Amino acid sequence: MKKINLFSAFVLSAILSVFLFTSCVDEVEAPKVDHYKVMTDYMKANNMDLSKMVDAWVVDAPTVNTTGIATYHILDLRTAADFALGHIPGAINTTMANVVTAAQGSTKPILVVCYTGQNAAVANVALRLSGYPTSKILKWGMTSWNPMFDKITANISNQAKGHANWSTTNTIKTPVLFSLPKFAETDFAAADTTGAKILAKRVTYMLSQGFKGVNAADVLTTPANYFIVNYWTEADVNTYGHIKGAYRLNETLLLGDGMKNLDPAAKITVYCWTGQTSALVTAYLNVLGYDASGIKFGTNAMINADLLKNKFSASQIGNYTYVTGN
């Protein structure tokens, strides 16, 4: 009898062990998805580095006029009221949030238009990351099309000349290595495990933020509040100087290990010549999980008189045909 009890106890113990082991296995969580890595690996594999965002992405008003406006599928991002006051013939009025949808079905090259080229640059990143790798923006926006639409002249400035926080010599900061961004698990559904799905969700988020611009005066006054990125060549920094405390980066660095030169915990602000390229760069960075903004109108809003290239003036404004109404 004693043997039977011992045998029963052994069997019971074995059953309990199997049950507990099975329960533990059932409770093991599935491995978490590194959404940032999955997305950026997908972007690398599909030729979506930042350098591809700035590849032949701007076309000027004279070229559009000479080529013929009917050549393009023109998406105008301005408000309905401003669109009604005047727009390029054949243009379609849409919003930042709907720009990818508005591009669908087009058999023509896509041209995005806004007031100054800065909002269009943001939308163009979304388009190039959403299956439209040759989309372009109208340089200087509708400002360059006709004096009727000029939104740039009033924003040109030389406020950085002689400013205490503008360095006239190259004292650009040495790059520092940071960790890469991390996406919150709560930002994604359980099915968002592929690079394409993660990227689409991040593009939608970026478009919801729109053009994130800051005023040059604010950055010049308190540069320590920002992680400042100068988007020039070193030769240009040597020629013009830079905002004090700025780093210098360019598109060859910004996907993969080069992203480690940006602080994911900081308020990043990028400046270029005109504000258009910096708007594009910051849109791309926001897709990648950074909190990035662009200095509006670039160095044309800071040292316009000193610029030898990419300088805005009245000569940039054309006198081309427009139509009114919706």
C-alpha atoms as a PDB file:
ATOM      1  CA  MET A   1       0.000   0.000   0.000  1.00  0.00           C
ATOM      2  CA  LYS A   2       2.829   2.297   0.842  1.00  0.00           C
ATOM      3  CA  LYS A   3       4.381   1.656  -2.598  1.00  0.00           C
ATOM      4  CA  ILE A   4       1.155   2.553  -4.314  1.00  0.00           C
ATOM      5  CA  ASN A   5       0.968   5.849  -2.413  1.00  0.00           C
ATOM      6  CA  LEU A   6       4.545   6.690  -3.316  1.00  0.00           C
ATOM      7  CA  PHE A   7       3.877   5.873  -6.970  1.00  0.00           C
ATOM      8  CA  SER A   8       0.707   8.007  -6.943  1.00  0.00           C
ATOM      9  CA  ALA A   9       2.595  10.882  -5.392  1.00  0.00           C
ATOM     10  CA  PHE A  10       5.288  10.593  -8.072  1.00  0.00           C
ATOM     11  CA  VAL A  11       2.704  10.620 -10.864  1.00  0.00           C
ATOM     12  CA  LEU A  12       0.903  13.585  -9.329  1.00  0.00           C
ATOM     13  CA  SER A  13       4.177  15.463  -8.974  1.00  0.00           C
ATOM     14  CA  ALA A  14       5.025  14.797 -12.631  1.00  0.00           C
ATOM     15  CA  ILE A  15       1.617  16.016 -13.782  1.00  0.00           C
ATOM     16  CA  LEU A  16       1.959  19.185 -11.746  1.00  0.00           C
ATOM     17  CA  SER A  17       5.439  19.791 -13.146  1.00  0.00           C
ATOM     18  CA  VAL A  18       4.171  19.484 -16.712  1.00  0.00           C
ATOM     19  CA  PHE A  19       1.258  21.795 -15.945  1.00  0.00           C
ATOM     20  CA  LEU A  20       3.484  24.425 -14.368  1.00  0.00           C
ATOM     21  CA  PHE A  21       6.007  24.225 -17.200  1.00  0.00           C
ATOM     22  CA  THR A  22       3.275  24.544 -19.814  1.00  0.00           C
ATOM     23  CA  SER A  23       1.771  27.501 -17.960  1.00  0.00           C
ATOM     24  CA  CYS A  24       5.141  29.238 -17.866  1.00  0.00           C
ATOM     25  CA  VAL A  25       5.621  28.665 -21.582  1.00  0.00           C
ATOM     26  CA  ASP A  26       2.176  30.090 -22.300  1.00  0.00           C
ATOM     27  CA  GLU A  27       2.976  33.203 -20.287  1.00  0.00           C
ATOM     28  CA  VAL A  28       6.224  34.005 -22.118  1.00  0.00           C
ATOM     29  CA  GLU A  29       5.707  37.213 -24.074  1.00  0.00           C
ATOM     30  CA  ALA A  30       6.443  37.374 -27.765  1.00  0.00           C
ATOM     31  CA  PRO A  31       9.671  39.268 -28.530  1.00  0.00           C
ATOM     32  CA  LYS A  32       9.103  43.014 -28.779  1.00  0.00           C
ATOM     33  CA  VAL A  33       9.492  44.570 -32.208  1.00  0.00           C
ATOM     34  CA  ASP A  34      12.232  47.171 -32.573  1.00  0.00           C
ATOM     35  CA  HIS A  35      10.080  49.385 -34.782  1.00  0.00           C
ATOM     36  CA  TYR A  36      12.872  51.875 -35.459  1.00  0.00           C
ATOM     37  CA  LYS A  37      15.270  49.194 -36.708  1.00  0.00           C
ATOM     38  CA  VAL A  38      12.645  47.373 -38.768  1.00  0.00           C
ATOM     39  CA  MET A  39      11.591  50.638 -40.409  1.00  0.00           C
ATOM     40  CA  THR A  40      15.080  51.978 -41.122  1.00  0.00           C
ATOM     41  CA  ASP A  41      16.253  48.608 -42.445  1.00  0.00           C
ATOM     42  CA  TYR A  42      13.278  48.705 -44.822  1.00  0.00           C
ATOM     43  CA  MET A  43      14.147  52.271 -45.845  1.00  0.00           C
ATOM     44  CA  LYS A  44      17.763  51.344 -46.556  1.00  0.00           C
ATOM     45  CA  ALA A  45      16.704  48.326 -48.614  1.00  0.00           C
ATOM     46  CA  ASN A  46      14.283  50.455 -50.643  1.00  0.00           C
ATOM     47  CA  ASN A  47      16.619  53.360 -51.370  1.00  0.00           C
ATOM     48  CA  MET A  48      14.942  55.824 -49.015  1.00  0.00           C
ATOM     49  CA  ASP A  49      17.983  57.474 -47.475  1.00  0.00           C
ATOM     50  CA  LEU A  50      17.800  61.209 -46.955  1.00  0.00           C
ATOM     51  CA  SER A  51      20.058  61.712 -49.966  1.00  0.00           C
ATOM     52  CA  LYS A  52      17.201  60.376 -52.121  1.00  0.00           C
ATOM     53  CA  MET A  53      14.813  62.939 -50.664  1.00  0.00           C
ATOM     54  CA  VAL A  54      16.997  65.776 -52.015  1.00  0.00           C
ATOM     55  CA  ASP A  55      17.770  64.192 -55.387  1.00  0.00           C
ATOM     56  CA  ALA A  56      16.419  66.492 -58.136  1.00  0.00           C
ATOM     57  CA  TRP A  57      13.572  67.539 -55.862  1.00  0.00           C
ATOM     58  CA  VAL A  58      13.235  71.274 -56.726  1.00  0.00           C
ATOM     59  CA  VAL A  59      12.087  72.875 -59.966  1.00  0.00           C
ATOM     60  CA  ASP A  60      11.948  76.641 -60.462  1.00  0.00           C
ATOM     61  CA  ALA A  61       9.085  78.692 -61.859  1.00  0.00           C
ATOM     62  CA  PRO A  62      10.742  79.507 -65.215  1.00  0.00           C
ATOM     63  CA  THR A  63      11.296  75.793 -65.854  1.00  0.00           C
ATOM     64  CA  VAL A  64       7.716  74.917 -64.963  1.00  0.00           C
ATOM     65  CA  ASN A  65       6.441  77.680 -67.222  1.00  0.00           C
ATOM     66  CA  THR A  66       8.716  76.668 -70.117  1.00  0.00           C
ATOM     67  CA  THR A  67       8.051  72.943 -69.762  1.00  0.00           C
ATOM     68  CA  GLY A  68       4.338  73.660 -69.589  1.00  0.00           C
ATOM     69  CA  ILE A  69       2.111  73.514 -66.540  1.00  0.00           C
ATOM     70  CA  ALA A  70       0.043  70.753 -68.140  1.00  0.00           C
ATOM     71  CA  THR A  71       3.126  68.543 -67.814  1.00  0.00           C
ATOM     72  CA  TYR A  72       2.643  68.332 -64.045  1.00  0.00           C
ATOM     73  CA  HIS A  73       0.107  67.025 -61.566  1.00  0.00           C
ATOM     74  CA  ILE A  74       0.149  70.136 -59.352  1.00  0.00           C
ATOM     75  CA  LEU A  75      -0.905  69.860 -55.710  1.00  0.00           C
ATOM     76  CA  ASP A  76      -1.407  73.222 -53.985  1.00  0.00           C
ATOM     77  CA  LEU A  77      -1.234  73.077 -50.173  1.00  0.00           C
ATOM     78  CA  ARG A  78      -2.391  76.615 -49.437  1.00  0.00           C
ATOM     79  CA  THR A  79      -5.691  77.388 -47.759  1.00  0.00           C
ATOM     80  CA  ALA A  80      -8.849  77.206 -49.843  1.00  0.00           C
ATOM     81  CA  ALA A  81      -9.278  80.970 -49.498  1.00  0.00           C
ATOM     82  CA  ASP A  82      -5.790  81.739 -50.819  1.00  0.00           C
ATOM     83  CA  PHE A  83      -6.142  79.137 -53.550  1.00  0.00           C
ATOM     84  CA  ALA A  84      -9.339  80.860 -54.702  1.00  0.00           C
ATOM     85  CA  LEU A  85      -7.536  84.221 -54.876  1.00  0.00           C
ATOM     86  CA  GLY A  86      -5.147  82.781 -57.417  1.00  0.00           C
ATOM     87  CA  HIS A  87      -3.424  79.536 -58.395  1.00  0.00           C
ATOM     88  CA  ILE A  88      -1.548  77.902 -61.238  1.00  0.00           C
ATOM     89  CA  PRO A  89      -4.030  76.716 -63.891  1.00  0.00           C
ATOM     90  CA  GLY A  90      -4.888  73.055 -63.399  1.00  0.00           C
ATOM     91  CA  ALA A  91      -3.624  72.909 -59.818  1.00  0.00           C
ATOM     92  CA  ILE A  92      -5.556  70.848 -57.254  1.00  0.00           C
ATOM     93  CA  ASN A  93      -6.101  72.312 -53.817  1.00  0.00           C
ATOM     94  CA  THR A  94      -5.398  69.804 -51.045  1.00  0.00           C
ATOM     95  CA  THR A  95      -4.127  69.667 -47.486  1.00  0.00           C
ATOM     96  CA  MET A  96      -0.910  68.416 -45.958  1.00  0.00           C
ATOM     97  CA  ALA A  97      -2.715  65.475 -44.357  1.00  0.00           C
ATOM     98  CA  ASN A  98      -4.287  64.415 -47.684  1.00  0.00           C
ATOM     99  CA  VAL A  99      -1.355  65.040 -50.023  1.00  0.00           C
ATOM    100  CA  VAL A 100      -0.485  61.355 -50.538  1.00  0.00           C
ATOM    101  CA  THR A 101      -4.101  60.515 -51.326  1.00  0.00           C
ATOM    102  CA  ALA A 102      -4.293  63.464 -53.749  1.00  0.00           C
ATOM    103  CA  ALA A 103      -1.296  62.070 -55.643  1.00  0.00           C
ATOM    104  CA  GLN A 104      -2.868  58.679 -56.244  1.00  0.00           C
ATOM    105  CA  GLY A 105      -3.660  57.755 -59.813  1.00  0.00           C
ATOM    106  CA  SER A 106      -1.558  60.494 -61.355  1.00  0.00           C
ATOM    107  CA  THR A 107       0.225  59.650 -64.605  1.00  0.00           C
ATOM    108  CA  LYS A 108       2.133  62.942 -64.604  1.00  0.00           C
ATOM    109  CA  PRO A 109       5.125  64.092 -62.561  1.00  0.00           C
ATOM    110  CA  ILE A 110       3.916  65.430 -59.209  1.00  0.00           C
ATOM    111  CA  LEU A 111       4.698  69.038 -58.317  1.00  0.00           C
ATOM    112  CA  VAL A 112       3.860  70.274 -54.812  1.00  0.00           C
ATOM    113  CA  VAL A 113       3.197  73.977 -54.328  1.00  0.00           C
ATOM    114  CA  CYS A 114       2.774  76.104 -51.196  1.00  0.00           C
ATOM    115  CA  TYR A 115       3.473  79.704 -50.182  1.00  0.00           C
ATOM    116  CA  THR A 116       7.274  79.604 -49.901  1.00  0.00           C
ATOM    117  CA  GLY A 117       8.423  76.044 -50.608  1.00  0.00           C
ATOM    118  CA  GLN A 118       8.720  75.070 -46.949  1.00  0.00           C
ATOM    119  CA  ASN A 119       5.382  73.301 -46.467  1.00  0.00           C
ATOM    120  CA  ALA A 120       5.785  71.704 -49.878  1.00  0.00           C
ATOM    121  CA  ALA A 121       9.160  70.291 -48.794  1.00  0.00           C
ATOM    122  CA  VAL A 122       7.471  68.486 -45.906  1.00  0.00           C
ATOM    123  CA  ALA A 123       4.770  67.056 -48.161  1.00  0.00           C
ATOM    124  CA  ASN A 124       7.388  66.000 -50.681  1.00  0.00           C
ATOM    125  CA  VAL A 125       9.140  63.816 -48.100  1.00  0.00           C
ATOM    126  CA  ALA A 126       5.826  62.075 -47.435  1.00  0.00           C
ATOM    127  CA  LEU A 127       5.327  61.497 -51.159  1.00  0.00           C
ATOM    128  CA  ARG A 128       8.833  60.148 -51.734  1.00  0.00           C
ATOM    129  CA  LEU A 129       8.457  57.778 -48.797  1.00  0.00           C
ATOM    130  CA  SER A 130       5.034  56.667 -50.072  1.00  0.00           C
ATOM    131  CA  GLY A 131       5.835  55.488 -53.577  1.00  0.00           C
ATOM    132  CA  TYR A 132       6.443  58.735 -55.498  1.00  0.00           C
ATOM    133  CA  PRO A 133      10.266  58.901 -55.653  1.00  0.00           C
ATOM    134  CA  THR A 134      10.393  61.593 -58.368  1.00  0.00           C
ATOM    135  CA  SER A 135       7.939  64.120 -56.915  1.00  0.00           C
ATOM    136  CA  LYS A 136       9.191  67.712 -56.765  1.00  0.00           C
ATOM    137  CA  ILE A 137       8.397  71.077 -55.213  1.00  0.00           C
ATOM    138  CA  LEU A 138       8.109  74.506 -56.786  1.00  0.00           C
ATOM    139  CA  LYS A 139      11.164  76.469 -55.629  1.00  0.00           C
ATOM    140  CA  TRP A 140      10.160  79.399 -53.419  1.00  0.00           C
ATOM    141  CA  GLY A 141       6.528  78.281 -53.748  1.00  0.00           C
ATOM    142  CA  MET A 142       3.877  80.580 -55.181  1.00  0.00           C
ATOM    143  CA  THR A 143       6.062  83.526 -54.186  1.00  0.00           C
ATOM    144  CA  SER A 144       8.182  82.738 -57.247  1.00  0.00           C
ATOM    145  CA  TRP A 145       5.177  82.473 -59.567  1.00  0.00           C
ATOM    146  CA  ASN A 146       3.786  85.979 -59.356  1.00  0.00           C
ATOM    147  CA  PRO A 147       4.258  89.080 -57.138  1.00  0.00           C
ATOM    148  CA  MET A 148       0.609  88.638 -56.149  1.00  0.00           C
ATOM    149  CA  PHE A 149       1.665  85.729 -53.894  1.00  0.00           C
ATOM    150  CA  ASP A 150       4.902  87.012 -52.347  1.00  0.00           C
ATOM    151  CA  LYS A 151       5.271  85.739 -48.768  1.00  0.00           C
ATOM    152  CA  ILE A 152       9.067  85.814 -48.590  1.00  0.00           C
ATOM    153  CA  THR A 153      10.209  89.425 -49.062  1.00  0.00           C
ATOM    154  CA  ALA A 154       8.790  90.506 -45.710  1.00  0.00           C
ATOM    155  CA  ASN A 155      10.737  87.716 -43.990  1.00  0.00           C
ATOM    156  CA  ILE A 156      14.170  88.540 -45.400  1.00  0.00           C
ATOM    157  CA  SER A 157      16.536  89.887 -42.759  1.00  0.00           C
ATOM    158  CA  ASN A 158      20.127  90.571 -41.732  1.00  0.00           C
ATOM    159  CA  GLN A 159      19.465  90.185 -38.027  1.00  0.00           C
ATOM    160  CA  ALA A 160      22.416  87.836 -37.481  1.00  0.00           C
ATOM    161  CA  LYS A 161      24.987  90.361 -38.750  1.00  0.00           C
ATOM    162  CA  GLY A 162      26.883  91.537 -35.695  1.00  0.00           C
ATOM    163  CA  HIS A 163      24.750  89.370 -33.393  1.00  0.00           C
ATOM    164  CA  ALA A 164      26.522  88.066 -30.292  1.00  0.00           C
ATOM    165  CA  ASN A 165      25.413  84.521 -31.107  1.00  0.00           C
ATOM    166  CA  TRP A 166      26.585  84.488 -34.706  1.00  0.00           C
ATOM    167  CA  SER A 167      30.172  83.342 -35.151  1.00  0.00           C
ATOM    168  CA  THR A 168      31.904  84.853 -38.179  1.00  0.00           C
ATOM    169  CA  THR A 169      34.604  82.167 -38.059  1.00  0.00           C
ATOM    170  CA  ASN A 170      34.356  78.385 -38.150  1.00  0.00           C
ATOM    171  CA  THR A 171      33.923  77.281 -34.544  1.00  0.00           C
ATOM    172  CA  ILE A 172      31.452  74.527 -35.456  1.00  0.00           C
ATOM    173  CA  LYS A 173      31.102  71.846 -32.780  1.00  0.00           C
ATOM    174  CA  THR A 174      32.698  68.415 -33.100  1.00  0.00           C
ATOM    175  CA  PRO A 175      30.079  65.680 -33.624  1.00  0.00           C
ATOM    176  CA  VAL A 176      29.077  63.645 -30.575  1.00  0.00           C
ATOM    177  CA  LEU A 177      27.650  60.113 -30.563  1.00  0.00           C
ATOM    178  CA  PHE A 178      24.157  59.599 -29.137  1.00  0.00           C
ATOM    179  CA  SER A 179      21.792  56.645 -28.994  1.00  0.00           C
ATOM    180  CA  LEU A 180      19.261  56.145 -31.787  1.00  0.00           C
ATOM    181  CA  PRO A 181      15.564  57.022 -31.267  1.00  0.00           C
ATOM    182  CA  LYS A 182      13.116  54.543 -29.770  1.00  0.00           C
ATOM    183  CA  PHE A 183       9.468  54.393 -30.779  1.00  0.00           C
ATOM    184  CA  ALA A 184       6.846  53.819 -28.095  1.00  0.00           C
ATOM    185  CA  GLU A 185       5.138  50.423 -28.355  1.00  0.00           C
ATOM    186  CA  THR A 186       1.801  52.151 -27.808  1.00  0.00           C
ATOM    187  CA  ASP A 187       2.231  54.060 -31.079  1.00  0.00           C
ATOM    188  CA  PHE A 188       1.684  50.900 -33.093  1.00  0.00           C
ATOM    189  CA  ALA A 189      -0.931  48.197 -33.479  1.00  0.00           C
ATOM    190  CA  ALA A 190      -0.039  44.542 -33.054  1.00  0.00           C
ATOM    191  CA  ALA A 191      -0.086  44.130 -36.844  1.00  0.00           C
ATOM    192  CA  ASP A 192       2.441  46.930 -37.391  1.00  0.00           C
ATOM    193  CA  THR A 193       5.460  44.664 -37.662  1.00  0.00           C
ATOM    194  CA  THR A 194       6.684  45.256 -41.222  1.00  0.00           C
ATOM    195  CA  GLY A 195       8.850  48.129 -42.357  1.00  0.00           C
ATOM    196  CA  ALA A 196       6.211  49.305 -44.825  1.00  0.00           C
ATOM    197  CA  LYS A 197       3.470  49.480 -42.192  1.00  0.00           C
ATOM    198  CA  ILE A 198       5.658  51.188 -39.608  1.00  0.00           C
ATOM    199  CA  LEU A 199       6.868  53.740 -42.165  1.00  0.00           C
ATOM    200  CA  ALA A 200       3.322  54.487 -43.331  1.00  0.00           C
ATOM    201  CA  LYS A 201       2.263  55.163 -39.756  1.00  0.00           C
ATOM    202  CA  ARG A 202       5.258  57.430 -39.137  1.00  0.00           C
ATOM    203  CA  VAL A 203       4.615  59.349 -42.377  1.00  0.00           C
ATOM    204  CA  THR A 204       1.002  59.904 -41.306  1.00  0.00           C
ATOM    205  CA  TYR A 205       2.217  61.188 -37.947  1.00  0.00           C
ATOM    206  CA  MET A 206       4.747  63.519 -39.594  1.00  0.00           C
ATOM    207  CA  LEU A 207       2.086  64.979 -41.895  1.00  0.00           C
ATOM    208  CA  SER A 208      -0.178  65.590 -38.900  1.00  0.00           C
ATOM    209  CA  GLN A 209       2.564  67.792 -37.435  1.00  0.00           C
ATOM    210  CA  GLY A 210       3.023  69.757 -40.662  1.00  0.00           C
ATOM    211  CA  PHE A 211       5.933  72.131 -41.160  1.00  0.00           C
ATOM    212  CA  LYS A 212       7.573  72.638 -37.772  1.00  0.00           C
ATOM    213  CA  GLY A 213       9.264  76.009 -38.149  1.00  0.00           C
ATOM    214  CA  VAL A 214      10.988  78.242 -35.617  1.00  0.00           C
ATOM    215  CA  ASN A 215      11.917  81.898 -35.937  1.00  0.00           C
ATOM    216  CA  ALA A 216      15.560  82.763 -36.466  1.00  0.00           C
ATOM    217  CA  ALA A 217      15.300  85.417 -33.755  1.00  0.00           C
ATOM    218  CA  ASP A 218      14.346  82.828 -31.142  1.00  0.00           C
ATOM    219  CA  VAL A 219      17.290  80.570 -31.970  1.00  0.00           C
ATOM    220  CA  LEU A 220      19.732  83.480 -32.107  1.00  0.00           C
ATOM    221  CA  THR A 221      18.525  84.747 -28.729  1.00  0.00           C
ATOM    222  CA  THR A 222      18.768  81.411 -26.905  1.00  0.00           C
ATOM    223  CA  PRO A 223      20.814  78.958 -29.004  1.00  0.00           C
ATOM    224  CA  ALA A 224      21.408  76.769 -25.943  1.00  0.00           C
ATOM    225  CA  ASN A 225      17.717  75.802 -26.048  1.00  0.00           C
ATOM    226  CA  TYR A 226      18.275  73.913 -29.298  1.00  0.00           C
ATOM    227  CA  PHE A 227      20.437  71.208 -30.805  1.00  0.00           C
ATOM    228  CA  ILE A 228      21.393  73.307 -33.836  1.00  0.00           C
ATOM    229  CA  VAL A 229      22.264  71.674 -37.145  1.00  0.00           C
ATOM    230  CA  ASN A 230      23.967  73.686 -39.879  1.00  0.00           C
ATOM    231  CA  TYR A 231      23.140  72.040 -43.216  1.00  0.00           C
ATOM    232  CA  TRP A 232      26.039  73.403 -45.280  1.00  0.00           C
ATOM    233  CA  THR A 233      29.392  72.275 -46.573  1.00  0.00           C
ATOM    234  CA  GLU A 234      32.416  73.106 -44.457  1.00  0.00           C
ATOM    235  CA  ALA A 235      33.542  75.551 -47.150  1.00  0.00           C
ATOM    236  CA  ASP A 236      30.316  77.506 -46.725  1.00  0.00           C
ATOM    237  CA  VAL A 237      30.752  77.568 -42.955  1.00  0.00           C
ATOM    238  CA  ASN A 238      34.258  78.955 -43.506  1.00  0.00           C
ATOM    239  CA  THR A 239      32.816  81.653 -45.776  1.00  0.00           C
ATOM    240  CA  TYR A 240      29.795  82.788 -43.761  1.00  0.00           C
ATOM    241  CA  GLY A 241      30.203  81.569 -40.200  1.00  0.00           C
ATOM    242  CA  HIS A 242      27.319  80.012 -38.291  1.00  0.00           C
ATOM    243  CA  ILE A 243      25.072  80.201 -35.253  1.00  0.00           C
ATOM    244  CA  LYS A 244      27.180  79.612 -32.167  1.00  0.00           C
ATOM    245  CA  GLY A 245      26.909  76.117 -30.766  1.00  0.00           C
ATOM    246  CA  ALA A 246      25.876  74.564 -34.093  1.00  0.00           C
ATOM    247  CA  TYR A 247      26.944  71.200 -35.456  1.00  0.00           C
ATOM    248  CA  ARG A 248      27.379  70.634 -39.196  1.00  0.00           C
ATOM    249  CA  LEU A 249      25.688  67.648 -40.806  1.00  0.00           C
ATOM    250  CA  ASN A 250      24.596  66.665 -44.304  1.00  0.00           C
ATOM    251  CA  GLU A 251      22.526  63.984 -45.975  1.00  0.00           C
ATOM    252  CA  THR A 252      25.368  61.480 -46.349  1.00  0.00           C
ATOM    253  CA  LEU A 253      25.338  61.026 -42.569  1.00  0.00           C
ATOM    254  CA  LEU A 254      21.701  60.801 -41.669  1.00  0.00           C
ATOM    255  CA  LEU A 255      20.569  57.204 -42.082  1.00  0.00           C
ATOM    256  CA  GLY A 256      22.219  54.390 -40.182  1.00  0.00           C
ATOM    257  CA  ASP A 257      25.164  55.079 -37.892  1.00  0.00           C
ATOM    258  CA  GLY A 258      25.296  58.734 -38.891  1.00  0.00           C
ATOM    259  CA  MET A 259      22.015  59.284 -37.098  1.00  0.00           C
ATOM    260  CA  LYS A 260      23.964  58.814 -33.885  1.00  0.00           C
ATOM    261  CA  ASN A 261      25.299  62.344 -34.339  1.00  0.00           C
ATOM    262  CA  LEU A 262      21.843  63.704 -33.434  1.00  0.00           C
ATOM    263  CA  ASP A 263      20.460  63.873 -29.909  1.00  0.00           C
ATOM    264  CA  PRO A 264      17.053  62.109 -29.793  1.00  0.00           C
ATOM    265  CA  ALA A 265      16.258  63.792 -26.468  1.00  0.00           C
ATOM    266  CA  ALA A 266      16.888  67.351 -27.708  1.00  0.00           C
ATOM    267  CA  LYS A 267      14.864  69.941 -29.609  1.00  0.00           C
ATOM    268  CA  ILE A 268      16.698  69.783 -32.916  1.00  0.00           C
ATOM    269  CA  THR A 269      16.557  72.730 -35.275  1.00  0.00           C
ATOM    270  CA  VAL A 270      18.094  72.714 -38.749  1.00  0.00           C
ATOM    271  CA  TYR A 271      18.965  75.664 -40.940  1.00  0.00           C
ATOM    272  CA  CYS A 272      19.987  75.903 -44.575  1.00  0.00           C
ATOM    273  CA  TRP A 273      19.952  78.728 -47.115  1.00  0.00           C
ATOM    274  CA  THR A 274      16.259  79.176 -47.810  1.00  0.00           C
ATOM    275  CA  GLY A 275      14.314  77.126 -45.269  1.00  0.00           C
ATOM    276  CA  GLN A 276      13.202  74.678 -47.952  1.00  0.00           C
ATOM    277  CA  THR A 277      15.925  72.067 -47.513  1.00  0.00           C
ATOM    278  CA  SER A 278      15.817  72.339 -43.729  1.00  0.00           C
ATOM    279  CA  ALA A 279      12.045  71.779 -43.859  1.00  0.00           C
ATOM    280  CA  LEU A 280      12.677  68.621 -45.867  1.00  0.00           C
ATOM    281  CA  VAL A 281      15.415  67.415 -43.510  1.00  0.00           C
ATOM    282  CA  THR A 282      13.316  68.021 -40.396  1.00  0.00           C
ATOM    283  CA  ALA A 283      10.317  66.245 -41.919  1.00  0.00           C
ATOM    284  CA  TYR A 284      12.541  63.230 -42.529  1.00  0.00           C
ATOM    285  CA  LEU A 285      13.916  63.413 -38.981  1.00  0.00           C
ATOM    286  CA  ASN A 286      10.409  63.564 -37.538  1.00  0.00           C
ATOM    287  CA  VAL A 287       9.533  60.383 -39.431  1.00  0.00           C
ATOM    288  CA  LEU A 288      12.538  58.798 -37.741  1.00  0.00           C
ATOM    289  CA  GLY A 289      11.399  59.824 -34.273  1.00  0.00           C
ATOM    290  CA  TYR A 290      13.319  63.039 -33.626  1.00  0.00           C
ATOM    291  CA  ASP A 291      11.753  66.279 -32.396  1.00  0.00           C
ATOM    292  CA  ALA A 292      13.008  68.453 -35.234  1.00  0.00           C
ATOM    293  CA  SER A 293      12.144  71.885 -36.593  1.00  0.00           C
ATOM    294  CA  GLY A 294      13.572  74.138 -39.285  1.00  0.00           C
ATOM    295  CA  ILE A 295      14.589  77.780 -39.012  1.00  0.00           C
ATOM    296  CA  LYS A 296      12.099  79.564 -41.217  1.00  0.00           C
ATOM    297  CA  PHE A 297      13.577  81.078 -44.393  1.00  0.00           C
ATOM    298  CA  GLY A 298      17.055  79.847 -43.432  1.00  0.00           C
ATOM    299  CA  THR A 299      20.002  82.203 -43.582  1.00  0.00           C
ATOM    300  CA  ASN A 300      18.015  84.456 -45.901  1.00  0.00           C
ATOM    301  CA  ALA A 301      16.295  85.472 -42.653  1.00  0.00           C
ATOM    302  CA  MET A 302      19.655  86.068 -40.947  1.00  0.00           C
ATOM    303  CA  ILE A 303      22.422  87.262 -43.326  1.00  0.00           C
ATOM    304  CA  ASN A 304      20.663  87.825 -46.645  1.00  0.00           C
ATOM    305  CA  ALA A 305      22.902  90.737 -47.666  1.00  0.00           C
ATOM    306  CA  ASP A 306      26.048  88.623 -47.335  1.00  0.00           C
ATOM    307  CA  LEU A 307      24.876  85.630 -49.367  1.00  0.00           C
ATOM    308  CA  LEU A 308      26.630  84.979 -52.646  1.00  0.00           C
ATOM    309  CA  LYS A 309      24.368  82.066 -53.605  1.00  0.00           C
ATOM    310  CA  ASN A 310      20.860  80.813 -52.817  1.00  0.00           C
ATOM    311  CA  LYS A 311      19.944  84.393 -52.051  1.00  0.00           C
ATOM    312  CA  PHE A 312      16.344  85.508 -52.310  1.00  0.00           C
ATOM    313  CA  SER A 313      15.618  88.806 -54.039  1.00  0.00           C
ATOM    314  CA  ALA A 314      12.895  90.340 -56.190  1.00  0.00           C
ATOM    315  CA  SER A 315      14.589  88.769 -59.226  1.00  0.00           C
ATOM    316  CA  GLN A 316      13.389  85.373 -57.985  1.00  0.00           C
ATOM    317  CA  ILE A 317       9.750  86.395 -58.506  1.00  0.00           C
ATOM    318  CA  GLY A 318       8.232  85.692 -61.910  1.00  0.00           C
ATOM    319  CA  ASN A 319       5.136  87.095 -63.571  1.00  0.00           C
ATOM    320  CA  TYR A 320       3.333  83.990 -64.734  1.00  0.00           C
ATOM    321  CA  THR A 321      -0.319  83.320 -65.422  1.00  0.00           C
ATOM    322  CA  TYR A 322      -2.705  82.365 -62.654  1.00  0.00           C
ATOM    323  CA  VAL A 323      -6.440  81.818 -62.408  1.00  0.00           C
ATOM    324  CA  THR A 324      -8.914  82.576 -59.612  1.00  0.00           C
ATOM    325  CA  GLY A 325     -11.705  80.587 -58.065  1.00  0.00           C
ATOM    326  CA  ASN A 326     -11.867  76.977 -57.018  1.00  0.00           C
END
